[in-house]
Amino acid sequence: MGKPATLEPVLLRALENAFWCSADPVCMEMGNGQGQGPCSCNLAACHNCALLPETSCERFNSFLDRGMVIGDWTHNGLGFFEDVPSTKGA
């Protein structure tokens, strides 16, 4: 799984899937406003798109933000992976 030819397509699909949440536009809009989740510590990361089982997250799913990874609708250039090419149509 760690070979580049195997891992790269998996990561690209994961990033592409992060562009959409079944709770959008509410999920992304809450990330731009008051936050969500425990103590409002999550931004664009709701139970539908980004939260993992508690046993797999030592930080209890706090401080998650899908917008930090891919950007948001108004500032899509702010995402860490903004320059990753899309796999759509590939």
N, C-alpha and C. Protein backbone atom coordinates (compact mmCIF):
# COMPACT_ATOMS: atom_id res chain seq x y z
N MET A 1 0.82 -1.19 0.00
CA MET A 1 0.00 0.00 0.00
C MET A 1 0.86 1.26 0.00
N GLY A 2 2.09 1.19 0.52
CA GLY A 2 2.94 2.36 0.60
C GLY A 2 3.68 2.70 -0.68
N LYS A 3 3.58 1.86 -1.69
CA LYS A 3 4.26 2.16 -2.95
C LYS A 3 3.58 3.35 -3.62
N PRO A 4 4.37 4.27 -4.22
CA PRO A 4 3.79 5.47 -4.82
C PRO A 4 2.68 5.18 -5.83
N ALA A 5 2.83 4.17 -6.63
CA ALA A 5 1.82 3.87 -7.64
C ALA A 5 0.50 3.43 -7.02
N THR A 6 0.54 2.94 -5.80
CA THR A 6 -0.66 2.50 -5.12
C THR A 6 -1.21 3.58 -4.20
N LEU A 7 -0.35 4.24 -3.46
CA LEU A 7 -0.76 5.21 -2.46
C LEU A 7 -1.26 6.52 -3.08
N GLU A 8 -0.61 6.98 -4.12
CA GLU A 8 -0.98 8.27 -4.71
C GLU A 8 -2.44 8.32 -5.18
N PRO A 9 -2.94 7.33 -5.91
CA PRO A 9 -4.35 7.39 -6.31
C PRO A 9 -5.31 7.38 -5.12
N VAL A 10 -4.96 6.68 -4.06
CA VAL A 10 -5.81 6.66 -2.87
C VAL A 10 -5.87 8.04 -2.23
N LEU A 11 -4.72 8.70 -2.10
CA LEU A 11 -4.69 10.05 -1.52
C LEU A 11 -5.43 11.05 -2.40
N LEU A 12 -5.26 10.96 -3.70
CA LEU A 12 -5.96 11.87 -4.60
C LEU A 12 -7.47 11.70 -4.51
N ARG A 13 -7.95 10.46 -4.42
CA ARG A 13 -9.39 10.22 -4.26
C ARG A 13 -9.89 10.76 -2.92
N ALA A 14 -9.10 10.59 -1.86
CA ALA A 14 -9.50 11.11 -0.55
C ALA A 14 -9.62 12.63 -0.58
N LEU A 15 -8.67 13.31 -1.22
CA LEU A 15 -8.74 14.76 -1.33
C LEU A 15 -9.92 15.19 -2.17
N GLU A 16 -10.17 14.49 -3.26
CA GLU A 16 -11.30 14.82 -4.12
C GLU A 16 -12.62 14.64 -3.36
N ASN A 17 -12.71 13.59 -2.56
CA ASN A 17 -13.92 13.36 -1.78
C ASN A 17 -14.13 14.43 -0.72
N ALA A 18 -13.06 15.07 -0.27
CA ALA A 18 -13.16 16.10 0.76
C ALA A 18 -13.82 17.38 0.23
N PHE A 19 -13.94 17.54 -1.07
CA PHE A 19 -14.55 18.73 -1.63
C PHE A 19 -16.05 18.77 -1.41
N TRP A 20 -16.66 17.65 -1.07
CA TRP A 20 -18.11 17.60 -0.93
C TRP A 20 -18.49 16.86 0.34
N CYS A 21 -19.45 17.38 1.05
CA CYS A 21 -20.00 16.74 2.24
C CYS A 21 -21.51 16.67 2.04
N SER A 22 -22.13 15.60 2.49
CA SER A 22 -23.58 15.48 2.32
C SER A 22 -24.33 16.52 3.13
N ALA A 23 -23.66 17.19 4.06
CA ALA A 23 -24.28 18.26 4.84
C ALA A 23 -23.95 19.65 4.28
N ASP A 24 -23.27 19.73 3.14
CA ASP A 24 -23.01 21.03 2.53
C ASP A 24 -24.31 21.58 1.98
N PRO A 25 -24.52 22.86 2.02
CA PRO A 25 -23.59 23.93 2.35
C PRO A 25 -23.47 24.21 3.84
N VAL A 26 -24.30 23.58 4.67
CA VAL A 26 -24.29 23.88 6.10
C VAL A 26 -22.93 23.58 6.73
N CYS A 27 -22.33 22.45 6.40
CA CYS A 27 -21.06 22.05 7.00
C CYS A 27 -19.99 23.10 6.73
N MET A 28 -19.80 23.48 5.48
CA MET A 28 -18.76 24.45 5.14
C MET A 28 -19.09 25.84 5.69
N GLU A 29 -20.38 26.21 5.69
CA GLU A 29 -20.76 27.52 6.22
C GLU A 29 -20.52 27.61 7.72
N MET A 30 -20.76 26.52 8.44
CA MET A 30 -20.50 26.54 9.88
C MET A 30 -19.00 26.66 10.14
N GLY A 31 -18.19 26.13 9.23
CA GLY A 31 -16.75 26.28 9.36
C GLY A 31 -16.30 27.72 9.21
N ASN A 32 -17.05 28.50 8.46
CA ASN A 32 -16.72 29.91 8.28
C ASN A 32 -17.31 30.79 9.37
N GLY A 33 -18.13 30.21 10.23
CA GLY A 33 -18.80 31.02 11.25
C GLY A 33 -18.47 30.57 12.65
N GLN A 34 -19.46 29.98 13.30
CA GLN A 34 -19.33 29.70 14.72
C GLN A 34 -18.63 28.40 15.05
N GLY A 35 -18.39 27.54 14.13
CA GLY A 35 -17.77 26.25 14.42
C GLY A 35 -18.82 25.22 14.79
N GLN A 36 -18.40 23.99 14.96
CA GLN A 36 -19.32 22.91 15.28
C GLN A 36 -18.58 21.84 16.06
N GLY A 37 -19.31 20.87 16.55
CA GLY A 37 -18.71 19.80 17.33
C GLY A 37 -18.49 20.19 18.77
N PRO A 38 -17.76 19.36 19.53
CA PRO A 38 -17.53 19.63 20.94
C PRO A 38 -16.87 21.00 21.16
N CYS A 39 -17.51 21.83 21.95
CA CYS A 39 -17.00 23.18 22.27
C CYS A 39 -16.78 24.03 21.03
N SER A 40 -17.45 23.69 19.93
CA SER A 40 -17.31 24.41 18.65
C SER A 40 -15.87 24.46 18.17
N CYS A 41 -15.09 23.41 18.47
CA CYS A 41 -13.67 23.37 18.09
C CYS A 41 -13.43 22.92 16.66
N ASN A 42 -14.45 22.39 16.00
CA ASN A 42 -14.30 21.97 14.60
C ASN A 42 -14.87 23.05 13.71
N LEU A 43 -14.26 23.21 12.56
CA LEU A 43 -14.79 24.16 11.60
C LEU A 43 -15.56 23.35 10.56
N ALA A 44 -15.10 23.24 9.34
CA ALA A 44 -15.82 22.48 8.32
C ALA A 44 -15.50 21.00 8.46
N ALA A 45 -16.05 20.37 9.47
CA ALA A 45 -15.82 18.95 9.72
C ALA A 45 -16.96 18.43 10.59
N CYS A 46 -17.96 17.86 9.96
CA CYS A 46 -19.11 17.37 10.72
C CYS A 46 -19.11 15.85 10.77
N HIS A 47 -20.14 15.28 11.39
CA HIS A 47 -20.23 13.82 11.50
C HIS A 47 -20.37 13.16 10.13
N ASN A 48 -20.84 13.87 9.13
CA ASN A 48 -21.02 13.29 7.80
C ASN A 48 -19.73 13.18 7.01
N CYS A 49 -18.78 14.06 7.25
CA CYS A 49 -17.63 14.10 6.35
C CYS A 49 -16.27 13.83 6.97
N ALA A 50 -16.07 14.14 8.24
CA ALA A 50 -14.68 14.10 8.70
C ALA A 50 -14.45 13.42 10.05
N LEU A 51 -15.48 13.16 10.82
CA LEU A 51 -15.23 12.62 12.14
C LEU A 51 -14.98 11.12 12.09
N LEU A 52 -14.01 10.70 12.87
CA LEU A 52 -13.61 9.30 12.95
C LEU A 52 -14.09 8.72 14.27
N PRO A 53 -14.13 7.40 14.38
CA PRO A 53 -14.47 6.81 15.67
C PRO A 53 -13.50 7.31 16.74
N GLU A 54 -14.01 7.54 17.92
CA GLU A 54 -13.18 8.11 18.99
C GLU A 54 -11.95 7.26 19.28
N THR A 55 -12.06 5.96 19.10
CA THR A 55 -10.91 5.10 19.41
C THR A 55 -9.75 5.31 18.45
N SER A 56 -9.99 5.96 17.31
CA SER A 56 -8.90 6.17 16.35
C SER A 56 -8.36 7.59 16.39
N CYS A 57 -8.84 8.40 17.31
CA CYS A 57 -8.41 9.80 17.34
C CYS A 57 -8.02 10.20 18.76
N GLU A 58 -6.74 10.41 19.01
CA GLU A 58 -6.29 10.74 20.36
C GLU A 58 -6.68 12.14 20.79
N ARG A 59 -7.06 12.99 19.86
CA ARG A 59 -7.49 14.35 20.19
C ARG A 59 -9.01 14.46 20.22
N PHE A 60 -9.70 13.36 20.21
CA PHE A 60 -11.17 13.30 20.31
C PHE A 60 -11.85 14.13 19.22
N ASN A 61 -11.32 14.04 18.01
CA ASN A 61 -11.90 14.71 16.86
C ASN A 61 -12.05 16.22 17.06
N SER A 62 -11.10 16.84 17.70
CA SER A 62 -11.14 18.28 17.91
C SER A 62 -10.21 18.98 16.92
N PHE A 63 -10.56 20.20 16.59
CA PHE A 63 -9.75 21.07 15.73
C PHE A 63 -9.64 20.54 14.30
N LEU A 64 -10.69 19.89 13.80
CA LEU A 64 -10.71 19.41 12.42
C LEU A 64 -11.28 20.50 11.53
N ASP A 65 -10.78 20.59 10.31
CA ASP A 65 -11.29 21.58 9.37
C ASP A 65 -11.01 21.12 7.94
N ARG A 66 -12.05 20.74 7.25
CA ARG A 66 -11.94 20.33 5.86
C ARG A 66 -11.47 21.48 4.99
N GLY A 67 -11.85 22.71 5.34
CA GLY A 67 -11.44 23.89 4.60
C GLY A 67 -9.93 24.13 4.65
N MET A 68 -9.29 23.72 5.73
CA MET A 68 -7.83 23.88 5.85
C MET A 68 -7.11 22.98 4.85
N VAL A 69 -7.72 21.87 4.52
CA VAL A 69 -7.11 20.92 3.60
C VAL A 69 -7.37 21.29 2.15
N ILE A 70 -8.62 21.65 1.84
CA ILE A 70 -9.00 21.88 0.44
C ILE A 70 -9.39 23.31 0.13
N GLY A 71 -9.47 24.17 1.14
CA GLY A 71 -9.97 25.52 0.95
C GLY A 71 -11.48 25.53 1.10
N ASP A 72 -12.07 26.71 1.18
CA ASP A 72 -13.52 26.77 1.25
C ASP A 72 -14.05 27.45 0.00
N TRP A 73 -15.35 27.68 -0.04
CA TRP A 73 -15.95 28.19 -1.27
C TRP A 73 -15.55 29.62 -1.58
N THR A 74 -15.25 30.40 -0.58
CA THR A 74 -14.88 31.79 -0.84
C THR A 74 -13.38 32.00 -0.91
N HIS A 75 -12.61 31.09 -0.32
CA HIS A 75 -11.15 31.20 -0.31
C HIS A 75 -10.55 29.85 -0.71
N ASN A 76 -10.83 29.40 -1.91
CA ASN A 76 -10.38 28.06 -2.30
C ASN A 76 -8.87 27.98 -2.47
N GLY A 77 -8.16 29.07 -2.47
CA GLY A 77 -6.70 29.05 -2.57
C GLY A 77 -6.00 28.87 -1.24
N LEU A 78 -6.76 28.79 -0.15
CA LEU A 78 -6.15 28.68 1.16
C LEU A 78 -5.87 27.24 1.58
N GLY A 79 -6.41 26.27 0.88
CA GLY A 79 -6.23 24.88 1.28
C GLY A 79 -4.80 24.40 1.10
N PHE A 80 -4.34 23.56 2.01
CA PHE A 80 -2.99 23.02 1.95
C PHE A 80 -2.75 22.25 0.66
N PHE A 81 -3.77 21.55 0.16
CA PHE A 81 -3.64 20.74 -1.05
C PHE A 81 -4.31 21.39 -2.25
N GLU A 82 -4.35 22.70 -2.32
CA GLU A 82 -5.04 23.39 -3.41
C GLU A 82 -4.46 23.09 -4.78
N ASP A 83 -3.19 22.75 -4.86
CA ASP A 83 -2.55 22.52 -6.16
C ASP A 83 -2.56 21.07 -6.61
N VAL A 84 -3.23 20.21 -5.86
CA VAL A 84 -3.30 18.79 -6.24
C VAL A 84 -4.24 18.65 -7.42
N PRO A 85 -3.80 18.02 -8.50
CA PRO A 85 -4.66 17.90 -9.68
C PRO A 85 -5.84 16.98 -9.39
N SER A 86 -6.96 17.28 -9.98
CA SER A 86 -8.15 16.47 -9.80
C SER A 86 -8.02 15.15 -10.56
N THR A 87 -8.66 14.11 -10.04
CA THR A 87 -8.66 12.82 -10.74
C THR A 87 -9.93 12.64 -11.54
N LYS A 88 -10.81 13.65 -11.55
CA LYS A 88 -12.06 13.53 -12.32
C LYS A 88 -11.74 13.35 -13.80
N GLY A 89 -12.42 12.41 -14.39
CA GLY A 89 -12.23 12.13 -15.79
C GLY A 89 -11.03 11.26 -16.08
N ALA A 90 -10.29 10.90 -15.05
CA ALA A 90 -9.09 10.06 -15.25
C ALA A 90 -9.45 8.60 -15.21
